[in-house]
């Protein structure tokens, strides 16, 4: 970022995006924080800097971390991590469903508990 004004606009843009994702209006955010709609508009446009304590309150309101509003790549990295985790879970669930769908003898049934707990070596 070149200067504090550019940084303020970046943070403001991140705040606006988070508010819209939360499906809240500026007026609703203002009511929850105990400020005016104008203050929210100023933060989102970058015309006024948002204080750290207010940024923390906004992060809680939007279910985000403060770093996601001030680090350009934090939001993207978090979204990518969530997508990767979701993919791993879906893949594992598909494998379990496939095992359960195939006919097996009762003693060959998959060990569902073993999926949730690490395998231990026999003594």
PDB file of N, CA and C in Angstrom:
ATOM      1  N   UNK A   1       0.842  -1.179   0.000  1.00  0.00           N
ATOM      2  CA  UNK A   1       0.000   0.000   0.000  1.00  0.00           C
ATOM      3  C   UNK A   1       0.891   1.248   0.000  1.00  0.00           C
ATOM      4  N   UNK A   2       0.522   2.223  -0.800  1.00  0.00           N
ATOM      5  CA  UNK A   2       1.354   3.413  -0.943  1.00  0.00           C
ATOM      6  C   UNK A   2       1.257   4.350   0.247  1.00  0.00           C
ATOM      7  N   UNK A   3       0.060   4.587   0.716  1.00  0.00           N
ATOM      8  CA  UNK A   3      -0.106   5.505   1.842  1.00  0.00           C
ATOM      9  C   UNK A   3      -1.301   5.095   2.683  1.00  0.00           C
ATOM     10  N   UNK A   4      -1.508   5.829   3.778  1.00  0.00           N
ATOM     11  CA  UNK A   4      -2.594   5.454   4.692  1.00  0.00           C
ATOM     12  C   UNK A   4      -3.960   5.615   4.041  1.00  0.00           C
ATOM     13  N   UNK A   5      -4.115   6.566   3.093  1.00  0.00           N
ATOM     14  CA  UNK A   5      -5.399   6.740   2.418  1.00  0.00           C
ATOM     15  C   UNK A   5      -5.725   5.510   1.568  1.00  0.00           C
ATOM     16  N   UNK A   6      -4.731   4.980   0.871  1.00  0.00           N
ATOM     17  CA  UNK A   6      -4.937   3.777   0.066  1.00  0.00           C
ATOM     18  C   UNK A   6      -5.255   2.589   0.968  1.00  0.00           C
ATOM     19  N   UNK A   7      -4.538   2.511   2.080  1.00  0.00           N
ATOM     20  CA  UNK A   7      -4.791   1.430   3.037  1.00  0.00           C
ATOM     21  C   UNK A   7      -6.204   1.553   3.602  1.00  0.00           C
ATOM     22  N   UNK A   8      -6.626   2.760   3.929  1.00  0.00           N
ATOM     23  CA  UNK A   8      -7.977   2.994   4.449  1.00  0.00           C
ATOM     24  C   UNK A   8      -9.039   2.565   3.450  1.00  0.00           C
ATOM     25  N   UNK A   9      -8.796   2.838   2.174  1.00  0.00           N
ATOM     26  CA  UNK A   9      -9.744   2.425   1.137  1.00  0.00           C
ATOM     27  C   UNK A   9      -9.772   0.904   1.001  1.00  0.00           C
ATOM     28  N   UNK A  10      -8.595   0.276   1.139  1.00  0.00           N
ATOM     29  CA  UNK A  10      -8.546  -1.185   1.071  1.00  0.00           C
ATOM     30  C   UNK A  10      -9.360  -1.789   2.220  1.00  0.00           C
ATOM     31  N   UNK A  11      -9.099  -1.321   3.451  1.00  0.00           N
ATOM     32  CA  UNK A  11      -9.824  -1.835   4.618  1.00  0.00           C
ATOM     33  C   UNK A  11     -11.318  -1.570   4.451  1.00  0.00           C
ATOM     34  N   UNK A  12     -11.662  -0.386   3.992  1.00  0.00           N
ATOM     35  CA  UNK A  12     -13.067  -0.040   3.780  1.00  0.00           C
ATOM     36  C   UNK A  12     -13.738  -0.971   2.789  1.00  0.00           C
ATOM     37  N   UNK A  13     -13.034  -1.293   1.713  1.00  0.00           N
ATOM     38  CA  UNK A  13     -13.583  -2.215   0.726  1.00  0.00           C
ATOM     39  C   UNK A  13     -13.806  -3.603   1.309  1.00  0.00           C
ATOM     40  N   UNK A  14     -12.870  -4.044   2.159  1.00  0.00           N
ATOM     41  CA  UNK A  14     -13.011  -5.345   2.801  1.00  0.00           C
ATOM     42  C   UNK A  14     -14.204  -5.334   3.773  1.00  0.00           C
ATOM     43  N   UNK A  15     -14.377  -4.222   4.485  1.00  0.00           N
ATOM     44  CA  UNK A  15     -15.514  -4.105   5.403  1.00  0.00           C
ATOM     45  C   UNK A  15     -16.837  -4.144   4.648  1.00  0.00           C
ATOM     46  N   UNK A  16     -16.887  -3.427   3.541  1.00  0.00           N
ATOM     47  CA  UNK A  16     -18.119  -3.387   2.739  1.00  0.00           C
ATOM     48  C   UNK A  16     -18.447  -4.777   2.195  1.00  0.00           C
ATOM     49  N   UNK A  17     -17.439  -5.477   1.695  1.00  0.00           N
ATOM     50  CA  UNK A  17     -17.649  -6.827   1.167  1.00  0.00           C
ATOM     51  C   UNK A  17     -18.149  -7.771   2.256  1.00  0.00           C
ATOM     52  N   UNK A  18     -17.551  -7.682   3.448  1.00  0.00           N
ATOM     53  CA  UNK A  18     -17.963  -8.542   4.557  1.00  0.00           C
ATOM     54  C   UNK A  18     -19.399  -8.235   4.982  1.00  0.00           C
ATOM     55  N   UNK A  19     -19.744  -6.946   4.993  1.00  0.00           N
ATOM     56  CA  UNK A  19     -21.114  -6.561   5.366  1.00  0.00           C
ATOM     57  C   UNK A  19     -22.114  -7.126   4.367  1.00  0.00           C
ATOM     58  N   UNK A  20     -21.790  -7.022   3.089  1.00  0.00           N
ATOM     59  CA  UNK A  20     -22.713  -7.527   2.066  1.00  0.00           C
ATOM     60  C   UNK A  20     -22.832  -9.047   2.133  1.00  0.00           C
ATOM     61  N   UNK A  21     -21.716  -9.729   2.405  1.00  0.00           N
ATOM     62  CA  UNK A  21     -21.773 -11.187   2.555  1.00  0.00           C
ATOM     63  C   UNK A  21     -22.639 -11.577   3.750  1.00  0.00           C
ATOM     64  N   UNK A  22     -22.626 -10.738   4.779  1.00  0.00           N
ATOM     65  CA  UNK A  22     -23.442 -10.989   5.965  1.00  0.00           C
ATOM     66  C   UNK A  22     -24.894 -10.569   5.747  1.00  0.00           C
ATOM     67  N   UNK A  23     -25.163  -9.984   4.583  1.00  0.00           N
ATOM     68  CA  UNK A  23     -26.505  -9.524   4.214  1.00  0.00           C
ATOM     69  C   UNK A  23     -27.071  -8.517   5.219  1.00  0.00           C
ATOM     70  N   UNK A  24     -26.212  -7.574   5.562  1.00  0.00           N
ATOM     71  CA  UNK A  24     -26.618  -6.502   6.473  1.00  0.00           C
ATOM     72  C   UNK A  24     -26.532  -5.166   5.748  1.00  0.00           C
ATOM     73  N   UNK A  25     -27.388  -4.240   6.142  1.00  0.00           N
ATOM     74  CA  UNK A  25     -27.303  -2.878   5.617  1.00  0.00           C
ATOM     75  C   UNK A  25     -26.372  -2.068   6.517  1.00  0.00           C
ATOM     76  N   UNK A  26     -25.947  -0.934   6.027  1.00  0.00           N
ATOM     77  CA  UNK A  26     -25.130  -0.049   6.861  1.00  0.00           C
ATOM     78  C   UNK A  26     -25.914   0.360   8.105  1.00  0.00           C
ATOM     79  N   UNK A  27     -27.202   0.580   7.952  1.00  0.00           N
ATOM     80  CA  UNK A  27     -28.038   0.977   9.090  1.00  0.00           C
ATOM     81  C   UNK A  27     -28.091  -0.139  10.140  1.00  0.00           C
ATOM     82  N   UNK A  28     -28.193  -1.387   9.703  1.00  0.00           N
ATOM     83  CA  UNK A  28     -28.227  -2.508  10.642  1.00  0.00           C
ATOM     84  C   UNK A  28     -26.898  -2.653  11.390  1.00  0.00           C
ATOM     85  N   UNK A  29     -25.793  -2.468  10.664  1.00  0.00           N
ATOM     86  CA  UNK A  29     -24.472  -2.532  11.306  1.00  0.00           C
ATOM     87  C   UNK A  29     -24.346  -1.409  12.322  1.00  0.00           C
ATOM     88  N   UNK A  30     -24.772  -0.221  11.931  1.00  0.00           N
ATOM     89  CA  UNK A  30     -24.703   0.926  12.839  1.00  0.00           C
ATOM     90  C   UNK A  30     -25.502   0.667  14.117  1.00  0.00           C
ATOM     91  N   UNK A  31     -26.695   0.094  13.972  1.00  0.00           N
ATOM     92  CA  UNK A  31     -27.533  -0.188  15.140  1.00  0.00           C
ATOM     93  C   UNK A  31     -26.847  -1.201  16.068  1.00  0.00           C
ATOM     94  N   UNK A  32     -26.204  -2.210  15.489  1.00  0.00           N
ATOM     95  CA  UNK A  32     -25.535  -3.239  16.295  1.00  0.00           C
ATOM     96  C   UNK A  32     -24.301  -2.686  17.014  1.00  0.00           C
ATOM     97  N   UNK A  33     -23.632  -1.707  16.385  1.00  0.00           N
ATOM     98  CA  UNK A  33     -22.418  -1.143  16.988  1.00  0.00           C
ATOM     99  C   UNK A  33     -22.688   0.096  17.834  1.00  0.00           C
ATOM    100  N   UNK A  34     -23.883   0.642  17.716  1.00  0.00           N
ATOM    101  CA  UNK A  34     -24.202   1.849  18.469  1.00  0.00           C
ATOM    102  C   UNK A  34     -23.569   3.096  17.880  1.00  0.00           C
ATOM    103  N   UNK A  35     -23.503   3.158  16.553  1.00  0.00           N
ATOM    104  CA  UNK A  35     -22.964   4.344  15.883  1.00  0.00           C
ATOM    105  C   UNK A  35     -23.957   4.769  14.810  1.00  0.00           C
ATOM    106  N   UNK A  36     -23.558   5.682  13.964  1.00  0.00           N
ATOM    107  CA  UNK A  36     -24.461   6.148  12.907  1.00  0.00           C
ATOM    108  C   UNK A  36     -24.188   5.419  11.591  1.00  0.00           C
ATOM    109  N   UNK A  37     -25.177   5.434  10.720  1.00  0.00           N
ATOM    110  CA  UNK A  37     -25.010   4.850   9.391  1.00  0.00           C
ATOM    111  C   UNK A  37     -23.925   5.607   8.635  1.00  0.00           C
ATOM    112  N   UNK A  38     -23.836   6.910   8.887  1.00  0.00           N
ATOM    113  CA  UNK A  38     -22.809   7.728   8.244  1.00  0.00           C
ATOM    114  C   UNK A  38     -21.398   7.279   8.609  1.00  0.00           C
ATOM    115  N   UNK A  39     -21.202   6.877   9.865  1.00  0.00           N
ATOM    116  CA  UNK A  39     -19.882   6.398  10.292  1.00  0.00           C
ATOM    117  C   UNK A  39     -19.515   5.129   9.536  1.00  0.00           C
ATOM    118  N   UNK A  40     -20.471   4.222   9.399  1.00  0.00           N
ATOM    119  CA  UNK A  40     -20.227   2.976   8.666  1.00  0.00           C
ATOM    120  C   UNK A  40     -19.882   3.286   7.212  1.00  0.00           C
ATOM    121  N   UNK A  41     -20.614   4.211   6.618  1.00  0.00           N
ATOM    122  CA  UNK A  41     -20.357   4.606   5.222  1.00  0.00           C
ATOM    123  C   UNK A  41     -18.962   5.202   5.078  1.00  0.00           C
ATOM    124  N   UNK A  42     -18.537   6.021   6.028  1.00  0.00           N
ATOM    125  CA  UNK A  42     -17.200   6.630   5.988  1.00  0.00           C
ATOM    126  C   UNK A  42     -16.101   5.573   6.105  1.00  0.00           C
ATOM    127  N   UNK A  43     -16.293   4.582   6.981  1.00  0.00           N
ATOM    128  CA  UNK A  43     -15.285   3.511   7.112  1.00  0.00           C
ATOM    129  C   UNK A  43     -15.187   2.711   5.828  1.00  0.00           C
ATOM    130  N   UNK A  44     -16.351   2.380   5.247  1.00  0.00           N
ATOM    131  CA  UNK A  44     -16.361   1.557   4.044  1.00  0.00           C
ATOM    132  C   UNK A  44     -15.791   2.288   2.829  1.00  0.00           C
ATOM    133  N   UNK A  45     -15.902   3.583   2.795  1.00  0.00           N
ATOM    134  CA  UNK A  45     -15.361   4.348   1.667  1.00  0.00           C
ATOM    135  C   UNK A  45     -13.889   4.706   1.875  1.00  0.00           C
ATOM    136  N   UNK A  46     -13.413   4.537   3.099  1.00  0.00           N
ATOM    137  CA  UNK A  46     -12.034   4.899   3.411  1.00  0.00           C
ATOM    138  C   UNK A  46     -11.853   6.366   3.733  1.00  0.00           C
ATOM    139  N   UNK A  47     -12.960   7.103   3.839  1.00  0.00           N
ATOM    140  CA  UNK A  47     -12.865   8.536   4.179  1.00  0.00           C
ATOM    141  C   UNK A  47     -12.459   8.745   5.617  1.00  0.00           C
ATOM    142  N   UNK A  48     -12.799   7.803   6.484  1.00  0.00           N
ATOM    143  CA  UNK A  48     -12.409   7.873   7.896  1.00  0.00           C
ATOM    144  C   UNK A  48     -11.810   6.527   8.280  1.00  0.00           C
ATOM    145  N   UNK A  49     -10.772   6.574   9.092  1.00  0.00           N
ATOM    146  CA  UNK A  49     -10.171   5.337   9.583  1.00  0.00           C
ATOM    147  C   UNK A  49     -11.053   4.740  10.671  1.00  0.00           C
ATOM    148  N   UNK A  50     -11.177   3.437  10.651  1.00  0.00           N
ATOM    149  CA  UNK A  50     -11.928   2.730  11.673  1.00  0.00           C
ATOM    150  C   UNK A  50     -10.962   2.428  12.817  1.00  0.00           C
ATOM    151  N   UNK A  51     -11.401   2.663  14.039  1.00  0.00           N
ATOM    152  CA  UNK A  51     -10.558   2.387  15.200  1.00  0.00           C
ATOM    153  C   UNK A  51     -10.374   0.893  15.401  1.00  0.00           C
ATOM    154  N   UNK A  52      -9.311   0.525  16.076  1.00  0.00           N
ATOM    155  CA  UNK A  52      -8.996  -0.885  16.287  1.00  0.00           C
ATOM    156  C   UNK A  52     -10.100  -1.610  17.063  1.00  0.00           C
ATOM    157  N   UNK A  53     -10.635  -0.970  18.092  1.00  0.00           N
ATOM    158  CA  UNK A  53     -11.688  -1.643  18.863  1.00  0.00           C
ATOM    159  C   UNK A  53     -12.951  -1.820  18.023  1.00  0.00           C
ATOM    160  N   UNK A  54     -13.247  -0.844  17.173  1.00  0.00           N
ATOM    161  CA  UNK A  54     -14.401  -0.957  16.283  1.00  0.00           C
ATOM    162  C   UNK A  54     -14.148  -2.028  15.226  1.00  0.00           C
ATOM    163  N   UNK A  55     -12.916  -2.093  14.728  1.00  0.00           N
ATOM    164  CA  UNK A  55     -12.563  -3.117  13.748  1.00  0.00           C
ATOM    165  C   UNK A  55     -12.741  -4.507  14.367  1.00  0.00           C
ATOM    166  N   UNK A  56     -12.362  -4.643  15.620  1.00  0.00           N
ATOM    167  CA  UNK A  56     -12.552  -5.904  16.328  1.00  0.00           C
ATOM    168  C   UNK A  56     -14.046  -6.234  16.427  1.00  0.00           C
ATOM    169  N   UNK A  57     -14.867  -5.249  16.778  1.00  0.00           N
ATOM    170  CA  UNK A  57     -16.317  -5.464  16.877  1.00  0.00           C
ATOM    171  C   UNK A  57     -16.908  -5.854  15.521  1.00  0.00           C
ATOM    172  N   UNK A  58     -16.424  -5.216  14.457  1.00  0.00           N
ATOM    173  CA  UNK A  58     -16.897  -5.549  13.110  1.00  0.00           C
ATOM    174  C   UNK A  58     -16.488  -6.975  12.730  1.00  0.00           C
ATOM    175  N   UNK A  59     -15.283  -7.346  13.078  1.00  0.00           N
ATOM    176  CA  UNK A  59     -14.807  -8.702  12.782  1.00  0.00           C
ATOM    177  C   UNK A  59     -15.695  -9.731  13.481  1.00  0.00           C
ATOM    178  N   UNK A  60     -16.035  -9.483  14.732  1.00  0.00           N
ATOM    179  CA  UNK A  60     -16.929 -10.395  15.461  1.00  0.00           C
ATOM    180  C   UNK A  60     -18.304 -10.435  14.800  1.00  0.00           C
ATOM    181  N   UNK A  61     -18.811  -9.282  14.419  1.00  0.00           N
ATOM    182  CA  UNK A  61     -20.129  -9.196  13.794  1.00  0.00           C
ATOM    183  C   UNK A  61     -20.168  -9.985  12.483  1.00  0.00           C
ATOM    184  N   UNK A  62     -19.085  -9.906  11.704  1.00  0.00           N
ATOM    185  CA  UNK A  62     -19.030 -10.575  10.400  1.00  0.00           C
ATOM    186  C   UNK A  62     -18.423 -11.977  10.479  1.00  0.00           C
ATOM    187  N   UNK A  63     -18.119 -12.423  11.695  1.00  0.00           N
ATOM    188  CA  UNK A  63     -17.518 -13.746  11.910  1.00  0.00           C
ATOM    189  C   UNK A  63     -16.200 -13.885  11.129  1.00  0.00           C
ATOM    190  N   UNK A  64     -15.358 -12.894  11.258  1.00  0.00           N
ATOM    191  CA  UNK A  64     -14.059 -12.856  10.589  1.00  0.00           C
ATOM    192  C   UNK A  64     -12.995 -12.563  11.641  1.00  0.00           C
ATOM    193  N   UNK A  65     -11.742 -12.642  11.218  1.00  0.00           N
ATOM    194  CA  UNK A  65     -10.655 -12.206  12.085  1.00  0.00           C
ATOM    195  C   UNK A  65     -10.233 -10.808  11.638  1.00  0.00           C
ATOM    196  N   UNK A  66      -9.685 -10.041  12.549  1.00  0.00           N
ATOM    197  CA  UNK A  66      -9.246  -8.678  12.217  1.00  0.00           C
ATOM    198  C   UNK A  66      -8.233  -8.711  11.088  1.00  0.00           C
ATOM    199  N   UNK A  67      -7.361  -9.708  11.084  1.00  0.00           N
ATOM    200  CA  UNK A  67      -6.313  -9.781  10.063  1.00  0.00           C
ATOM    201  C   UNK A  67      -6.907  -9.869   8.658  1.00  0.00           C
ATOM    202  N   UNK A  68      -8.073 -10.451   8.515  1.00  0.00           N
ATOM    203  CA  UNK A  68      -8.694 -10.560   7.199  1.00  0.00           C
ATOM    204  C   UNK A  68      -9.064  -9.202   6.616  1.00  0.00           C
ATOM    205  N   UNK A  69      -9.194  -8.196   7.463  1.00  0.00           N
ATOM    206  CA  UNK A  69      -9.522  -6.863   6.972  1.00  0.00           C
ATOM    207  C   UNK A  69      -8.278  -6.036   6.631  1.00  0.00           C
ATOM    208  N   UNK A  70      -7.122  -6.435   7.156  1.00  0.00           N
ATOM    209  CA  UNK A  70      -5.929  -5.613   6.944  1.00  0.00           C
ATOM    210  C   UNK A  70      -4.840  -6.296   6.125  1.00  0.00           C
ATOM    211  N   UNK A  71      -4.942  -7.609   5.917  1.00  0.00           N
ATOM    212  CA  UNK A  71      -3.954  -8.335   5.124  1.00  0.00           C
ATOM    213  C   UNK A  71      -4.598  -8.707   3.785  1.00  0.00           C
ATOM    214  N   UNK A  72      -4.068  -8.202   2.676  1.00  0.00           N
ATOM    215  CA  UNK A  72      -4.704  -8.437   1.376  1.00  0.00           C
ATOM    216  C   UNK A  72      -4.960  -9.898   1.031  1.00  0.00           C
ATOM    217  N   UNK A  73      -4.069 -10.795   1.379  1.00  0.00           N
ATOM    218  CA  UNK A  73      -4.233 -12.195   0.984  1.00  0.00           C
ATOM    219  C   UNK A  73      -4.889 -13.065   2.044  1.00  0.00           C
ATOM    220  N   UNK A  74      -5.128 -12.543   3.235  1.00  0.00           N
ATOM    221  CA  UNK A  74      -5.657 -13.369   4.324  1.00  0.00           C
ATOM    222  C   UNK A  74      -7.034 -13.915   3.995  1.00  0.00           C
ATOM    223  N   UNK A  75      -7.883 -13.102   3.404  1.00  0.00           N
ATOM    224  CA  UNK A  75      -9.241 -13.538   3.096  1.00  0.00           C
ATOM    225  C   UNK A  75      -9.205 -14.659   2.069  1.00  0.00           C
ATOM    226  N   UNK A  76      -8.440 -14.473   1.009  1.00  0.00           N
ATOM    227  CA  UNK A  76      -8.339 -15.479  -0.042  1.00  0.00           C
ATOM    228  C   UNK A  76      -7.741 -16.765   0.499  1.00  0.00           C
ATOM    229  N   UNK A  77      -6.675 -16.651   1.298  1.00  0.00           N
ATOM    230  CA  UNK A  77      -6.041 -17.846   1.854  1.00  0.00           C
ATOM    231  C   UNK A  77      -7.015 -18.600   2.744  1.00  0.00           C
ATOM    232  N   UNK A  78      -7.799 -17.900   3.533  1.00  0.00           N
ATOM    233  CA  UNK A  78      -8.765 -18.556   4.407  1.00  0.00           C
ATOM    234  C   UNK A  78      -9.834 -19.267   3.583  1.00  0.00           C
ATOM    235  N   UNK A  79     -10.336 -18.621   2.545  1.00  0.00           N
ATOM    236  CA  UNK A  79     -11.339 -19.234   1.684  1.00  0.00           C
ATOM    237  C   UNK A  79     -10.772 -20.482   1.013  1.00  0.00           C
ATOM    238  N   UNK A  80      -9.524 -20.409   0.545  1.00  0.00           N
ATOM    239  CA  UNK A  80      -8.893 -21.557  -0.096  1.00  0.00           C
ATOM    240  C   UNK A  80      -8.720 -22.702   0.897  1.00  0.00           C
ATOM    241  N   UNK A  81      -8.339 -22.390   2.132  1.00  0.00           N
ATOM    242  CA  UNK A  81      -8.177 -23.416   3.156  1.00  0.00           C
ATOM    243  C   UNK A  81      -9.500 -24.108   3.446  1.00  0.00           C
ATOM    244  N   UNK A  82     -10.559 -23.334   3.530  1.00  0.00           N
ATOM    245  CA  UNK A  82     -11.882 -23.892   3.796  1.00  0.00           C
ATOM    246  C   UNK A  82     -12.302 -24.802   2.645  1.00  0.00           C
ATOM    247  N   UNK A  83     -12.087 -24.361   1.409  1.00  0.00           N
ATOM    248  CA  UNK A  83     -12.456 -25.183   0.250  1.00  0.00           C
ATOM    249  C   UNK A  83     -11.660 -26.484   0.223  1.00  0.00           C
ATOM    250  N   UNK A  84     -10.376 -26.416   0.538  1.00  0.00           N
ATOM    251  CA  UNK A  84      -9.546 -27.617   0.567  1.00  0.00           C
ATOM    252  C   UNK A  84     -10.044 -28.582   1.640  1.00  0.00           C
ATOM    253  N   UNK A  85     -10.350 -28.076   2.816  1.00  0.00           N
ATOM    254  CA  UNK A  85     -10.859 -28.911   3.896  1.00  0.00           C
ATOM    255  C   UNK A  85     -12.199 -29.537   3.514  1.00  0.00           C
ATOM    256  N   UNK A  86     -13.090 -28.748   2.913  1.00  0.00           N
ATOM    257  CA  UNK A  86     -14.381 -29.277   2.480  1.00  0.00           C
ATOM    258  C   UNK A  86     -14.180 -30.398   1.463  1.00  0.00           C
ATOM    259  N   UNK A  87     -13.238 -30.209   0.530  1.00  0.00           N
ATOM    260  CA  UNK A  87     -12.957 -31.226  -0.488  1.00  0.00           C
ATOM    261  C   UNK A  87     -12.462 -32.515   0.167  1.00  0.00           C
ATOM    262  N   UNK A  88     -11.553 -32.394   1.132  1.00  0.00           N
ATOM    263  CA  UNK A  88     -11.029 -33.579   1.817  1.00  0.00           C
ATOM    264  C   UNK A  88     -12.139 -34.323   2.559  1.00  0.00           C
ATOM    265  N   UNK A  89     -13.020 -33.578   3.208  1.00  0.00           N
ATOM    266  CA  UNK A  89     -14.123 -34.200   3.936  1.00  0.00           C
ATOM    267  C   UNK A  89     -15.065 -34.903   2.970  1.00  0.00           C
ATOM    268  N   UNK A  90     -15.419 -34.242   1.863  1.00  0.00           N
ATOM    269  CA  UNK A  90     -16.316 -34.835   0.871  1.00  0.00           C
ATOM    270  C   UNK A  90     -15.707 -36.098   0.274  1.00  0.00           C
ATOM    271  N   UNK A  91     -14.409 -36.066  -0.004  1.00  0.00           N
ATOM    272  CA  UNK A  91     -13.730 -37.234  -0.566  1.00  0.00           C
ATOM    273  C   UNK A  91     -13.770 -38.399   0.411  1.00  0.00           C
ATOM    274  N   UNK A  92     -13.483 -38.117   1.671  1.00  0.00           N
ATOM    275  CA  UNK A  92     -13.488 -39.181   2.682  1.00  0.00           C
ATOM    276  C   UNK A  92     -14.889 -39.736   2.894  1.00  0.00           C
ATOM    277  N   UNK A  93     -15.905 -38.857   2.907  1.00  0.00           N
ATOM    278  CA  UNK A  93     -17.283 -39.324   3.068  1.00  0.00           C
ATOM    279  C   UNK A  93     -17.710 -40.192   1.884  1.00  0.00           C
ATOM    280  N   UNK A  94     -17.298 -39.823   0.676  1.00  0.00           N
ATOM    281  CA  UNK A  94     -17.621 -40.621  -0.506  1.00  0.00           C
ATOM    282  C   UNK A  94     -16.991 -42.001  -0.400  1.00  0.00           C
ATOM    283  N   UNK A  95     -15.767 -42.075   0.084  1.00  0.00           N
ATOM    284  CA  UNK A  95     -15.097 -43.368   0.248  1.00  0.00           C
ATOM    285  C   UNK A  95     -15.825 -44.221   1.285  1.00  0.00           C
ATOM    286  N   UNK A  96     -16.251 -43.623   2.368  1.00  0.00           N
ATOM    287  CA  UNK A  96     -16.981 -44.355   3.408  1.00  0.00           C
ATOM    288  C   UNK A  96     -18.312 -44.851   2.860  1.00  0.00           C
ATOM    289  N   UNK A  97     -19.039 -43.979   2.130  1.00  0.00           N
ATOM    290  CA  UNK A  97     -20.319 -44.382   1.548  1.00  0.00           C
ATOM    291  C   UNK A  97     -20.127 -45.529   0.567  1.00  0.00           C
ATOM    292  N   UNK A  98     -19.061 -45.486  -0.206  1.00  0.00           N
ATOM    293  CA  UNK A  98     -18.770 -46.555  -1.158  1.00  0.00           C
ATOM    294  C   UNK A  98     -18.514 -47.867  -0.427  1.00  0.00           C
ATOM    295  N   UNK A  99     -17.758 -47.811   0.655  1.00  0.00           N
ATOM    296  CA  UNK A  99     -17.483 -49.012   1.447  1.00  0.00           C
ATOM    297  C   UNK A  99     -18.769 -49.571   2.047  1.00  0.00           C
ATOM    298  N   UNK A 100     -19.621 -48.700   2.535  1.00  0.00           N
ATOM    299  CA  UNK A 100     -20.867 -49.144   3.154  1.00  0.00           C
ATOM    300  C   UNK A 100     -21.836 -49.703   2.118  1.00  0.00           C
ATOM    301  N   UNK A 101     -21.784 -49.219   0.896  1.00  0.00           N
ATOM    302  CA  UNK A 101     -22.701 -49.657  -0.151  1.00  0.00           C
ATOM    303  C   UNK A 101     -22.329 -51.019  -0.730  1.00  0.00           C
ATOM    304  N   UNK A 102     -21.066 -51.371  -0.687  1.00  0.00           N
ATOM    305  CA  UNK A 102     -20.651 -52.657  -1.252  1.00  0.00           C
ATOM    306  C   UNK A 102     -20.982 -53.783  -0.272  1.00  0.00           C
ATOM    307  N   UNK A 103     -21.540 -54.897  -0.806  1.00  0.00           N
ATOM    308  CA  UNK A 103     -21.922 -56.000   0.090  1.00  0.00           C
ATOM    309  C   UNK A 103     -20.692 -56.648   0.705  1.00  0.00           C
ATOM    310  N   UNK A 104     -20.726 -56.839   2.005  1.00  0.00           N
ATOM    311  CA  UNK A 104     -19.622 -57.439   2.747  1.00  0.00           C
ATOM    312  C   UNK A 104     -20.178 -58.337   3.824  1.00  0.00           C
ATOM    313  N   UNK A 105     -19.348 -59.222   4.243  1.00  0.00           N
ATOM    314  CA  UNK A 105     -19.691 -60.051   5.396  1.00  0.00           C
ATOM    315  C   UNK A 105     -19.668 -59.155   6.630  1.00  0.00           C
ATOM    316  N   UNK A 106     -20.442 -59.463   7.665  1.00  0.00           N
ATOM    317  CA  UNK A 106     -20.458 -58.622   8.865  1.00  0.00           C
ATOM    318  C   UNK A 106     -19.074 -58.348   9.442  1.00  0.00           C
ATOM    319  N   UNK A 107     -18.189 -59.311   9.388  1.00  0.00           N
ATOM    320  CA  UNK A 107     -16.868 -59.082   9.972  1.00  0.00           C
ATOM    321  C   UNK A 107     -15.994 -58.190   9.083  1.00  0.00           C
ATOM    322  N   UNK A 108     -16.409 -57.995   7.811  1.00  0.00           N
ATOM    323  CA  UNK A 108     -15.645 -57.146   6.892  1.00  0.00           C
ATOM    324  C   UNK A 108     -16.176 -55.715   6.834  1.00  0.00           C
ATOM    325  N   UNK A 109     -17.180 -55.412   7.631  1.00  0.00           N
ATOM    326  CA  UNK A 109     -17.769 -54.068   7.608  1.00  0.00           C
ATOM    327  C   UNK A 109     -16.710 -53.041   7.977  1.00  0.00           C
ATOM    328  N   UNK A 110     -16.759 -51.872   7.359  1.00  0.00           N
ATOM    329  CA  UNK A 110     -15.753 -50.856   7.678  1.00  0.00           C
ATOM    330  C   UNK A 110     -15.842 -50.426   9.129  1.00  0.00           C
ATOM    331  N   UNK A 111     -14.715 -50.110   9.681  1.00  0.00           N
ATOM    332  CA  UNK A 111     -14.634 -49.672  11.067  1.00  0.00           C
ATOM    333  C   UNK A 111     -14.847 -48.166  11.097  1.00  0.00           C
ATOM    334  N   UNK A 112     -16.068 -47.741  11.336  1.00  0.00           N
ATOM    335  CA  UNK A 112     -16.395 -46.316  11.336  1.00  0.00           C
ATOM    336  C   UNK A 112     -15.653 -45.591  12.446  1.00  0.00           C
ATOM    337  N   UNK A 113     -15.485 -46.232  13.597  1.00  0.00           N
ATOM    338  CA  UNK A 113     -14.755 -45.603  14.696  1.00  0.00           C
ATOM    339  C   UNK A 113     -13.316 -45.355  14.264  1.00  0.00           C
ATOM    340  N   UNK A 114     -12.738 -46.294  13.504  1.00  0.00           N
ATOM    341  CA  UNK A 114     -11.366 -46.138  13.035  1.00  0.00           C
ATOM    342  C   UNK A 114     -11.179 -44.945  12.123  1.00  0.00           C
ATOM    343  N   UNK A 115     -12.239 -44.524  11.459  1.00  0.00           N
ATOM    344  CA  UNK A 115     -12.163 -43.354  10.595  1.00  0.00           C
ATOM    345  C   UNK A 115     -11.957 -42.093  11.428  1.00  0.00           C
ATOM    346  N   UNK A 116     -12.561 -42.082  12.591  1.00  0.00           N
ATOM    347  CA  UNK A 116     -12.506 -40.898  13.440  1.00  0.00           C
ATOM    348  C   UNK A 116     -11.311 -40.882  14.378  1.00  0.00           C
ATOM    349  N   UNK A 117     -10.742 -42.059  14.643  1.00  0.00           N
ATOM    350  CA  UNK A 117      -9.616 -42.145  15.556  1.00  0.00           C
ATOM    351  C   UNK A 117      -8.401 -42.673  14.823  1.00  0.00           C
ATOM    352  N   UNK A 118      -7.196 -42.220  15.200  1.00  0.00           N
ATOM    353  CA  UNK A 118      -6.001 -42.726  14.549  1.00  0.00           C
ATOM    354  C   UNK A 118      -5.832 -44.218  14.844  1.00  0.00           C
ATOM    355  N   UNK A 119      -5.324 -44.938  13.846  1.00  0.00           N
ATOM    356  CA  UNK A 119      -5.095 -46.367  14.029  1.00  0.00           C
ATOM    357  C   UNK A 119      -3.925 -46.572  14.962  1.00  0.00           C
ATOM    358  N   UNK A 120      -4.051 -47.565  15.843  1.00  0.00           N
ATOM    359  CA  UNK A 120      -2.971 -47.886  16.762  1.00  0.00           C
ATOM    360  C   UNK A 120      -2.383 -49.231  16.378  1.00  0.00           C
ATOM    361  N   UNK A 121      -1.127 -49.420  16.684  1.00  0.00           N
ATOM    362  CA  UNK A 121      -0.463 -50.677  16.385  1.00  0.00           C
ATOM    363  C   UNK A 121      -0.880 -51.714  17.412  1.00  0.00           C
ATOM    364  N   UNK A 122      -1.074 -52.984  16.977  1.00  0.00           N
ATOM    365  CA  UNK A 122      -1.422 -54.024  17.940  1.00  0.00           C
ATOM    366  C   UNK A 122      -0.247 -54.295  18.868  1.00  0.00           C
ATOM    367  N   UNK A 123      -0.554 -54.676  20.092  1.00  0.00           N
ATOM    368  CA  UNK A 123       0.507 -54.922  21.084  1.00  0.00           C
ATOM    369  C   UNK A 123       1.046 -56.299  20.967  1.00  0.00           C
TER     370      UNK A 123
END
